[in-house]
Amino acid sequence: MNEKATQIYRVEFNGKYFWFSSLIGEFTKAFKMQISLISRYEQQGKDLTEIQA
């Protein structure tokens, strides 16, 4: 079985923390991919999910 491990990243920005998950193990590549995904969602008018802790 060849399964990739999901990486969970936590980013601090303007005093707030954000989490995202990715199959990409390198933070820079995963973060760039996450930003492009967010941009696509915003262009399509989709709402982003906010999780309250």
PDB file of N, CA and C in Angstrom:
ATOM      1  N   MET A   1       0.844  -1.171   0.000  1.00  0.00           N
ATOM      2  CA  MET A   1       0.000   0.000   0.000  1.00  0.00           C
ATOM      3  C   MET A   1       0.896   1.243   0.000  1.00  0.00           C
ATOM      4  N   ASN A   2       0.653   2.161  -0.922  1.00  0.00           N
ATOM      5  CA  ASN A   2       1.483   3.358  -1.047  1.00  0.00           C
ATOM      6  C   ASN A   2       0.635   4.591  -0.737  1.00  0.00           C
ATOM      7  N   GLU A   3       0.445   4.885   0.547  1.00  0.00           N
ATOM      8  CA  GLU A   3      -0.363   6.030   0.954  1.00  0.00           C
ATOM      9  C   GLU A   3       0.543   7.164   1.389  1.00  0.00           C
ATOM     10  N   LYS A   4       0.183   8.382   1.006  1.00  0.00           N
ATOM     11  CA  LYS A   4       0.933   9.556   1.432  1.00  0.00           C
ATOM     12  C   LYS A   4       0.354  10.068   2.742  1.00  0.00           C
ATOM     13  N   ALA A   5       1.234  10.565   3.594  1.00  0.00           N
ATOM     14  CA  ALA A   5       0.791  11.113   4.876  1.00  0.00           C
ATOM     15  C   ALA A   5       0.362  12.562   4.688  1.00  0.00           C
ATOM     16  N   THR A   6      -0.733  12.926   5.312  1.00  0.00           N
ATOM     17  CA  THR A   6      -1.209  14.302   5.263  1.00  0.00           C
ATOM     18  C   THR A   6      -0.461  15.117   6.307  1.00  0.00           C
ATOM     19  N   GLN A   7       0.079  16.240   5.880  1.00  0.00           N
ATOM     20  CA  GLN A   7       0.763  17.151   6.786  1.00  0.00           C
ATOM     21  C   GLN A   7      -0.221  18.234   7.216  1.00  0.00           C
ATOM     22  N   ILE A   8      -0.191  18.610   8.485  1.00  0.00           N
ATOM     23  CA  ILE A   8      -1.034  19.700   8.991  1.00  0.00           C
ATOM     24  C   ILE A   8      -0.094  20.852   9.337  1.00  0.00           C
ATOM     25  N   TYR A   9      -0.402  22.023   8.786  1.00  0.00           N
ATOM     26  CA  TYR A   9       0.430  23.198   9.005  1.00  0.00           C
ATOM     27  C   TYR A   9      -0.356  24.241   9.787  1.00  0.00           C
ATOM     28  N   ARG A  10       0.329  24.940  10.693  1.00  0.00           N
ATOM     29  CA  ARG A  10      -0.279  26.040  11.434  1.00  0.00           C
ATOM     30  C   ARG A  10       0.504  27.300  11.099  1.00  0.00           C
ATOM     31  N   VAL A  11      -0.220  28.348  10.706  1.00  0.00           N
ATOM     32  CA  VAL A  11       0.391  29.608  10.302  1.00  0.00           C
ATOM     33  C   VAL A  11      -0.147  30.715  11.194  1.00  0.00           C
ATOM     34  N   GLU A  12       0.748  31.572  11.709  1.00  0.00           N
ATOM     35  CA  GLU A  12       0.327  32.723  12.513  1.00  0.00           C
ATOM     36  C   GLU A  12       0.419  33.959  11.633  1.00  0.00           C
ATOM     37  N   PHE A  13      -0.684  34.719  11.560  1.00  0.00           N
ATOM     38  CA  PHE A  13      -0.729  35.910  10.723  1.00  0.00           C
ATOM     39  C   PHE A  13      -1.575  36.958  11.420  1.00  0.00           C
ATOM     40  N   ASN A  14      -1.005  38.114  11.667  1.00  0.00           N
ATOM     41  CA  ASN A  14      -1.713  39.216  12.345  1.00  0.00           C
ATOM     42  C   ASN A  14      -2.338  38.787  13.673  1.00  0.00           C
ATOM     43  N   GLY A  15      -1.604  37.983  14.426  1.00  0.00           N
ATOM     44  CA  GLY A  15      -2.077  37.565  15.740  1.00  0.00           C
ATOM     45  C   GLY A  15      -3.130  36.475  15.729  1.00  0.00           C
ATOM     46  N   LYS A  16      -3.448  35.934  14.558  1.00  0.00           N
ATOM     47  CA  LYS A  16      -4.424  34.849  14.452  1.00  0.00           C
ATOM     48  C   LYS A  16      -3.732  33.622  13.882  1.00  0.00           C
ATOM     49  N   TYR A  17      -4.221  32.459  14.248  1.00  0.00           N
ATOM     50  CA  TYR A  17      -3.654  31.211  13.744  1.00  0.00           C
ATOM     51  C   TYR A  17      -4.579  30.586  12.713  1.00  0.00           C
ATOM     52  N   PHE A  18      -3.986  30.032  11.673  1.00  0.00           N
ATOM     53  CA  PHE A  18      -4.712  29.365  10.603  1.00  0.00           C
ATOM     54  C   PHE A  18      -4.087  27.993  10.399  1.00  0.00           C
ATOM     55  N   TRP A  19      -4.927  27.000  10.128  1.00  0.00           N
ATOM     56  CA  TRP A  19      -4.462  25.657   9.872  1.00  0.00           C
ATOM     57  C   TRP A  19      -4.883  25.242   8.472  1.00  0.00           C
ATOM     58  N   PHE A  20      -4.026  24.461   7.834  1.00  0.00           N
ATOM     59  CA  PHE A  20      -4.414  23.819   6.587  1.00  0.00           C
ATOM     60  C   PHE A  20      -3.663  22.499   6.470  1.00  0.00           C
ATOM     61  N   SER A  21      -4.227  21.600   5.697  1.00  0.00           N
ATOM     62  CA  SER A  21      -3.597  20.298   5.511  1.00  0.00           C
ATOM     63  C   SER A  21      -3.205  20.127   4.055  1.00  0.00           C
ATOM     64  N   SER A  22      -2.180  19.312   3.839  1.00  0.00           N
ATOM     65  CA  SER A  22      -1.695  19.087   2.487  1.00  0.00           C
ATOM     66  C   SER A  22      -0.961  17.755   2.424  1.00  0.00           C
ATOM     67  N   LEU A  23      -0.945  17.166   1.252  1.00  0.00           N
ATOM     68  CA  LEU A  23      -0.140  15.963   1.026  1.00  0.00           C
ATOM     69  C   LEU A  23       1.300  16.335   0.688  1.00  0.00           C
ATOM     70  N   ILE A  24       1.542  17.618   0.451  1.00  0.00           N
ATOM     71  CA  ILE A  24       2.886  18.090   0.113  1.00  0.00           C
ATOM     72  C   ILE A  24       3.664  18.269   1.409  1.00  0.00           C
ATOM     73  N   GLY A  25       4.841  17.651   1.505  1.00  0.00           N
ATOM     74  CA  GLY A  25       5.633  17.704   2.725  1.00  0.00           C
ATOM     75  C   GLY A  25       6.450  18.958   2.902  1.00  0.00           C
ATOM     76  N   GLU A  26       6.639  19.742   1.852  1.00  0.00           N
ATOM     77  CA  GLU A  26       7.440  20.962   1.952  1.00  0.00           C
ATOM     78  C   GLU A  26       6.511  22.156   2.172  1.00  0.00           C
ATOM     79  N   PHE A  27       6.718  22.895   3.272  1.00  0.00           N
ATOM     80  CA  PHE A  27       5.806  23.959   3.669  1.00  0.00           C
ATOM     81  C   PHE A  27       5.609  25.005   2.576  1.00  0.00           C
ATOM     82  N   THR A  28       6.682  25.500   1.961  1.00  0.00           N
ATOM     83  CA  THR A  28       6.583  26.580   0.976  1.00  0.00           C
ATOM     84  C   THR A  28       5.684  26.179  -0.192  1.00  0.00           C
ATOM     85  N   LYS A  29       5.887  24.988  -0.723  1.00  0.00           N
ATOM     86  CA  LYS A  29       5.051  24.520  -1.840  1.00  0.00           C
ATOM     87  C   LYS A  29       3.606  24.341  -1.403  1.00  0.00           C
ATOM     88  N   ALA A  30       3.405  23.777  -0.215  1.00  0.00           N
ATOM     89  CA  ALA A  30       2.049  23.549   0.285  1.00  0.00           C
ATOM     90  C   ALA A  30       1.335  24.875   0.506  1.00  0.00           C
ATOM     91  N   PHE A  31       2.033  25.868   1.050  1.00  0.00           N
ATOM     92  CA  PHE A  31       1.434  27.170   1.321  1.00  0.00           C
ATOM     93  C   PHE A  31       1.058  27.883   0.023  1.00  0.00           C
ATOM     94  N   LYS A  32       1.942  27.841  -0.975  1.00  0.00           N
ATOM     95  CA  LYS A  32       1.640  28.460  -2.269  1.00  0.00           C
ATOM     96  C   LYS A  32       0.426  27.807  -2.916  1.00  0.00           C
ATOM     97  N   MET A  33       0.320  26.482  -2.802  1.00  0.00           N
ATOM     98  CA  MET A  33      -0.818  25.778  -3.375  1.00  0.00           C
ATOM     99  C   MET A  33      -2.097  26.170  -2.635  1.00  0.00           C
ATOM    100  N   GLN A  34      -2.018  26.323  -1.304  1.00  0.00           N
ATOM    101  CA  GLN A  34      -3.182  26.712  -0.519  1.00  0.00           C
ATOM    102  C   GLN A  34      -3.651  28.113  -0.899  1.00  0.00           C
ATOM    103  N   ILE A  35      -2.719  29.049  -1.099  1.00  0.00           N
ATOM    104  CA  ILE A  35      -3.063  30.416  -1.498  1.00  0.00           C
ATOM    105  C   ILE A  35      -3.745  30.414  -2.866  1.00  0.00           C
ATOM    106  N   SER A  36      -3.246  29.632  -3.810  1.00  0.00           N
ATOM    107  CA  SER A  36      -3.870  29.591  -5.136  1.00  0.00           C
ATOM    108  C   SER A  36      -5.263  28.965  -5.058  1.00  0.00           C
ATOM    109  N   LEU A  37      -5.440  27.978  -4.178  1.00  0.00           N
ATOM    110  CA  LEU A  37      -6.756  27.369  -3.996  1.00  0.00           C
ATOM    111  C   LEU A  37      -7.742  28.381  -3.421  1.00  0.00           C
ATOM    112  N   ILE A  38      -7.311  29.155  -2.442  1.00  0.00           N
ATOM    113  CA  ILE A  38      -8.157  30.198  -1.853  1.00  0.00           C
ATOM    114  C   ILE A  38      -8.548  31.219  -2.910  1.00  0.00           C
ATOM    115  N   SER A  39      -7.590  31.630  -3.740  1.00  0.00           N
ATOM    116  CA  SER A  39      -7.875  32.599  -4.806  1.00  0.00           C
ATOM    117  C   SER A  39      -8.933  32.072  -5.762  1.00  0.00           C
ATOM    118  N   ARG A  40      -8.823  30.793  -6.138  1.00  0.00           N
ATOM    119  CA  ARG A  40      -9.810  30.196  -7.037  1.00  0.00           C
ATOM    120  C   ARG A  40     -11.195  30.177  -6.398  1.00  0.00           C
ATOM    121  N   TYR A  41     -11.254  29.808  -5.122  1.00  0.00           N
ATOM    122  CA  TYR A  41     -12.538  29.790  -4.425  1.00  0.00           C
ATOM    123  C   TYR A  41     -13.162  31.175  -4.383  1.00  0.00           C
ATOM    124  N   GLU A  42     -12.350  32.190  -4.093  1.00  0.00           N
ATOM    125  CA  GLU A  42     -12.871  33.555  -4.037  1.00  0.00           C
ATOM    126  C   GLU A  42     -13.360  34.021  -5.406  1.00  0.00           C
ATOM    127  N   GLN A  43     -12.655  33.670  -6.474  1.00  0.00           N
ATOM    128  CA  GLN A  43     -13.069  34.049  -7.828  1.00  0.00           C
ATOM    129  C   GLN A  43     -14.388  33.394  -8.206  1.00  0.00           C
ATOM    130  N   GLN A  44     -14.634  32.195  -7.685  1.00  0.00           N
ATOM    131  CA  GLN A  44     -15.875  31.472  -7.979  1.00  0.00           C
ATOM    132  C   GLN A  44     -17.003  31.888  -7.043  1.00  0.00           C
ATOM    133  N   GLY A  45     -16.719  32.756  -6.085  1.00  0.00           N
ATOM    134  CA  GLY A  45     -17.743  33.224  -5.157  1.00  0.00           C
ATOM    135  C   GLY A  45     -18.085  32.232  -4.067  1.00  0.00           C
ATOM    136  N   LYS A  46     -17.226  31.241  -3.846  1.00  0.00           N
ATOM    137  CA  LYS A  46     -17.482  30.236  -2.810  1.00  0.00           C
ATOM    138  C   LYS A  46     -17.036  30.781  -1.463  1.00  0.00           C
ATOM    139  N   ASP A  47     -17.749  30.361  -0.419  1.00  0.00           N
ATOM    140  CA  ASP A  47     -17.395  30.746   0.943  1.00  0.00           C
ATOM    141  C   ASP A  47     -16.297  29.835   1.469  1.00  0.00           C
ATOM    142  N   LEU A  48     -15.378  30.415   2.218  1.00  0.00           N
ATOM    143  CA  LEU A  48     -14.341  29.626   2.871  1.00  0.00           C
ATOM    144  C   LEU A  48     -14.841  29.253   4.259  1.00  0.00           C
ATOM    145  N   THR A  49     -14.468  28.089   4.719  1.00  0.00           N
ATOM    146  CA  THR A  49     -14.943  27.601   6.008  1.00  0.00           C
ATOM    147  C   THR A  49     -14.058  28.131   7.133  1.00  0.00           C
ATOM    148  N   GLU A  50     -14.682  28.655   8.168  1.00  0.00           N
ATOM    149  CA  GLU A  50     -13.969  29.101   9.347  1.00  0.00           C
ATOM    150  C   GLU A  50     -14.341  28.181  10.498  1.00  0.00           C
ATOM    151  N   ILE A  51     -13.340  27.662  11.172  1.00  0.00           N
ATOM    152  CA  ILE A  51     -13.576  26.754  12.286  1.00  0.00           C
ATOM    153  C   ILE A  51     -13.315  27.518  13.580  1.00  0.00           C
ATOM    154  N   GLN A  52     -14.285  27.554  14.452  1.00  0.00           N
ATOM    155  CA  GLN A  52     -14.142  28.236  15.744  1.00  0.00           C
ATOM    156  C   GLN A  52     -13.539  27.256  16.752  1.00  0.00           C
ATOM    157  N   ALA A  53     -12.531  27.731  17.499  1.00  0.00           N
ATOM    158  CA  ALA A  53     -11.895  26.865  18.510  1.00  0.00           C
ATOM    159  C   ALA A  53     -12.578  27.042  19.838  1.00  0.00           C
TER     160      ALA A  53
END
